[in-house]
C-alpha cells in the first residue's frame, strides 16, 4: 500500500512528539528515575553532530540546596517551576569535547589536534550541544514525559556556581515530569506556514 505521508511514525506518535506536545509548567508528583533518564539519553545520543563531537552534557539537579542555587540564576518567573519539577537538567556544552575524539572519531587519528583553539572549540561545542538539546527534548517526550525548557538569566553565574571546575558551559534548563491533569501550558500559539519558511535557490 502506498502511503500518503512521508513519515515512518504514525500520526499518534507525531502528535506526541510535536503537534499536541506542549511546554509544561506543572507535572505529576511521580519521580523520574535515573534509569529513565539514562534510557532517554541512550536514544538521543544517536542524533548526528558535526564530526560526532557529541558535546552535550547534563547536570541532574536533585538536592534542595542545588535547586535553590540553580533557581537564583534563572528569571524570577521560572524559579518555582524549577524548584518543583520532578526532573531538572542543566543542559551544557563541554568545551573540552575534543578529549574524547580518539574514541568518537576512530577513522580520523589525531582529530583532537585540530581543536587546539579554545574559541573554535567553544563555538563548535555550543552549536552542536544546542542541536543535541533538541534531540533531548524529543526523546523526553517520546518516553512519555512532558517537558518545560527555559533559558538561563545568568549563565556565567551558573557556570561559576554549579559547573565550577569543569569545562561545561550552560545553555538552558530543561524541566520534565509525568503529565499532570493540568500541565499549566498556555493555549496553543500559531506557527508559520511552510510557504513562509521554505524557499528554493
Protein backbone atom coordinates (compact mmCIF):
# COMPACT_ATOMS: atom_id res chain seq x y z
CA UNK A 1 0.00 0.00 0.00
CA UNK A 2 1.34 3.43 -0.93
CA UNK A 3 1.37 5.88 1.95
CA UNK A 4 0.14 9.44 1.51
CA UNK A 5 2.52 10.70 4.21
CA UNK A 6 6.34 10.77 4.17
CA UNK A 7 6.58 9.84 7.86
CA UNK A 8 7.59 6.48 9.28
CA UNK A 9 5.96 7.44 12.60
CA UNK A 10 2.19 7.06 12.84
CA UNK A 11 0.08 10.21 13.48
CA UNK A 12 -0.29 9.39 17.18
CA UNK A 13 3.48 9.38 17.63
CA UNK A 14 3.82 12.54 15.56
CA UNK A 15 1.26 14.27 17.80
CA UNK A 16 3.00 13.13 20.98
CA UNK A 17 6.34 14.49 19.81
CA UNK A 18 5.19 17.68 18.11
CA UNK A 19 1.56 18.64 17.42
CA UNK A 20 -0.07 18.12 20.81
CA UNK A 21 3.11 18.26 22.92
CA UNK A 22 3.23 21.45 24.96
CA UNK A 23 5.68 23.35 27.14
CA UNK A 24 4.57 22.15 30.56
CA UNK A 25 4.76 24.17 33.76
CA UNK A 26 3.20 21.67 36.17
CA UNK A 27 3.76 17.93 36.46
CA UNK A 28 2.53 14.91 38.35
CA UNK A 29 4.48 14.33 41.58
CA UNK A 30 5.78 10.91 40.47
CA UNK A 31 9.59 10.85 40.30
CA UNK A 32 11.65 10.31 37.16
CA UNK A 33 14.23 7.61 37.84
CA UNK A 34 17.91 7.69 36.96
CA UNK A 35 17.29 4.65 34.77
CA UNK A 36 14.58 6.52 32.87
CA UNK A 37 16.90 9.45 32.19
CA UNK A 38 19.69 7.11 31.10
CA UNK A 39 17.30 5.44 28.63
CA UNK A 40 16.34 8.86 27.24
CA UNK A 41 20.00 9.77 26.74
CA UNK A 42 20.69 6.35 25.23
CA UNK A 43 18.20 7.27 22.50
CA UNK A 44 19.07 10.92 21.89
CA UNK A 45 22.83 10.30 21.73
CA UNK A 46 22.40 8.75 18.27
CA UNK A 47 21.34 12.05 16.69
CA UNK A 48 24.06 13.46 14.41
CA UNK A 49 26.58 16.11 15.42
CA UNK A 50 29.46 17.61 13.44
CA UNK A 51 32.32 15.08 13.39
CA UNK A 52 30.40 13.12 16.05
CA UNK A 53 31.72 15.60 18.62
CA UNK A 54 28.78 14.88 20.98
CA UNK A 55 29.39 17.85 23.33
CA UNK A 56 26.06 17.63 25.19
CA UNK A 57 26.43 17.30 28.95
CA UNK A 58 23.62 17.04 31.52
CA UNK A 59 23.68 18.05 35.16
CA UNK A 60 20.74 16.48 37.00
CA UNK A 61 19.90 18.85 39.84
CA UNK A 62 18.38 16.85 42.68
CA UNK A 63 19.06 18.29 46.12
CA UNK A 64 17.01 21.17 47.53
CA UNK A 65 20.17 23.21 48.05
CA UNK A 66 21.36 22.71 44.48
CA UNK A 67 17.92 23.57 43.09
CA UNK A 68 17.85 26.78 45.10
CA UNK A 69 21.30 27.68 43.79
CA UNK A 70 20.15 26.96 40.24
CA UNK A 71 16.95 28.96 40.69
CA UNK A 72 18.97 32.01 41.75
CA UNK A 73 20.43 32.13 38.21
CA UNK A 74 17.03 31.99 36.49
CA UNK A 75 14.43 34.63 35.72
CA UNK A 76 12.04 35.06 38.62
CA UNK A 77 9.10 33.60 36.70
CA UNK A 78 10.99 30.35 36.10
CA UNK A 79 12.21 29.70 39.64
CA UNK A 80 9.18 27.99 41.18
CA UNK A 81 8.85 25.59 38.25
CA UNK A 82 12.48 24.60 38.65
CA UNK A 83 12.13 24.09 42.40
CA UNK A 84 9.14 21.77 41.98
CA UNK A 85 9.80 19.78 38.77
CA UNK A 86 10.37 16.02 39.20
CA UNK A 87 13.34 16.21 36.80
CA UNK A 88 15.55 19.26 36.36
CA UNK A 89 18.52 19.26 33.99
CA UNK A 90 21.12 21.89 33.28
CA UNK A 91 21.91 21.34 29.61
CA UNK A 92 25.53 22.22 28.94
CA UNK A 93 28.18 22.14 26.23
CA UNK A 94 31.58 20.60 27.01
CA UNK A 95 34.26 22.87 25.54
CA UNK A 96 36.77 20.06 26.02
CA UNK A 97 34.78 17.64 23.84
CA UNK A 98 37.94 17.02 21.81
CA UNK A 99 39.36 14.91 24.66
CA UNK A 100 37.03 12.11 23.52
CA UNK A 101 37.63 12.34 19.79
CA UNK A 102 40.00 9.39 19.55
CA UNK A 103 37.07 7.22 20.65
CA UNK A 104 34.30 9.13 18.88
CA UNK A 105 36.10 9.58 15.54
CA UNK A 106 38.23 6.42 15.23
CA UNK A 107 38.50 6.85 11.44
CA UNK A 108 40.43 10.14 11.92
CA UNK A 109 43.51 9.50 14.07
CA UNK A 110 44.74 12.64 15.79
CA UNK A 111 41.48 14.55 15.22
CA UNK A 112 41.76 16.24 18.61
CA UNK A 113 44.93 18.03 17.47
CA UNK A 114 42.82 20.14 15.12
CA UNK A 115 40.89 21.66 18.03
CA UNK A 116 43.58 23.47 20.00
CA UNK A 117 41.91 26.88 19.52
CA UNK A 118 39.64 27.45 22.52
CA UNK A 119 37.30 29.86 20.70
CA UNK A 120 36.78 27.40 17.85
CA UNK A 121 36.07 24.62 20.34
CA UNK A 122 33.63 26.76 22.32
CA UNK A 123 31.66 27.70 19.20
CA UNK A 124 31.54 24.12 17.95
CA UNK A 125 30.55 22.81 21.37
CA UNK A 126 27.75 25.35 21.70
CA UNK A 127 26.31 24.78 18.22
CA UNK A 128 26.30 21.00 18.48
CA UNK A 129 25.11 20.83 22.09
CA UNK A 130 22.13 23.02 21.14
CA UNK A 131 21.45 20.58 18.32
CA UNK A 132 21.57 17.71 20.81
CA UNK A 133 19.29 19.62 23.19
CA UNK A 134 16.61 19.42 20.51
CA UNK A 135 17.09 15.66 20.32
CA UNK A 136 16.88 15.50 24.12
CA UNK A 137 13.52 17.29 24.25
CA UNK A 138 12.04 14.98 21.61
CA UNK A 139 13.47 11.90 23.37
CA UNK A 140 12.00 13.01 26.70
CA UNK A 141 8.60 13.39 25.05
CA UNK A 142 9.00 10.01 23.34
CA UNK A 143 9.50 8.45 26.78
CA UNK A 144 6.11 9.74 27.97
CA UNK A 145 7.31 12.83 29.85
CA UNK A 146 6.17 16.41 29.41
CA UNK A 147 8.92 18.99 29.06
CA UNK A 148 9.47 22.63 30.00
CA UNK A 149 12.69 24.08 28.55
CA UNK A 150 13.80 27.56 29.61
CA UNK A 151 16.65 29.98 29.18
CA UNK A 152 19.14 30.97 31.88
CA UNK A 153 19.18 34.59 33.04
CA UNK A 154 22.74 34.41 34.38
CA UNK A 155 24.64 31.63 32.58
CA UNK A 156 28.06 32.91 33.67
CA UNK A 157 26.93 32.88 37.29
CA UNK A 158 25.53 29.38 36.93
CA UNK A 159 28.79 28.17 35.34
CA UNK A 160 30.79 29.65 38.20
CA UNK A 161 28.45 28.03 40.70
CA UNK A 162 27.13 24.58 39.81
CA UNK A 163 29.61 23.94 36.97
CA UNK A 164 32.70 25.36 38.67
CA UNK A 165 35.92 23.50 37.92
CA UNK A 166 34.57 21.88 34.75
CA UNK A 167 34.77 22.61 31.03
CA UNK A 168 30.96 22.57 30.84
CA UNK A 169 29.13 25.76 29.82
CA UNK A 170 25.40 26.05 30.50
CA UNK A 171 22.96 26.58 27.63
CA UNK A 172 19.47 26.09 29.03
CA UNK A 173 17.47 24.34 31.74
CA UNK A 174 15.04 21.54 30.95
CA UNK A 175 12.38 20.58 33.47
CA UNK A 176 10.35 17.43 32.88
CA UNK A 177 7.94 15.05 34.55
CA UNK A 178 4.95 12.81 34.09
CA UNK A 179 1.79 14.50 32.74
CA UNK A 180 -0.48 16.25 35.24
CA UNK A 181 -4.23 16.73 34.85
CA UNK A 182 -3.46 20.40 34.20
CA UNK A 183 0.08 20.97 32.93
CA UNK A 184 -0.18 24.76 33.06
CA UNK A 185 0.56 25.12 29.35
CA UNK A 186 -0.56 28.28 27.57
CA UNK A 187 -3.09 27.96 24.73
CA UNK A 188 -1.50 26.67 21.54
CA UNK A 189 0.13 29.53 19.65
CA UNK A 190 0.18 29.58 15.84
CA UNK A 191 3.18 28.57 13.77
CA UNK A 192 4.45 29.87 10.43
CA UNK A 193 3.20 28.07 7.31
CA UNK A 194 5.53 26.01 5.08
CA UNK A 195 5.37 28.57 2.27
CA UNK A 196 6.63 31.23 4.69
CA UNK A 197 9.78 29.37 5.67
CA UNK A 198 10.72 27.20 2.67
CA UNK A 199 12.23 28.73 -0.44
CA UNK A 200 14.30 27.47 -3.34
CA UNK A 201 17.55 28.94 -4.60
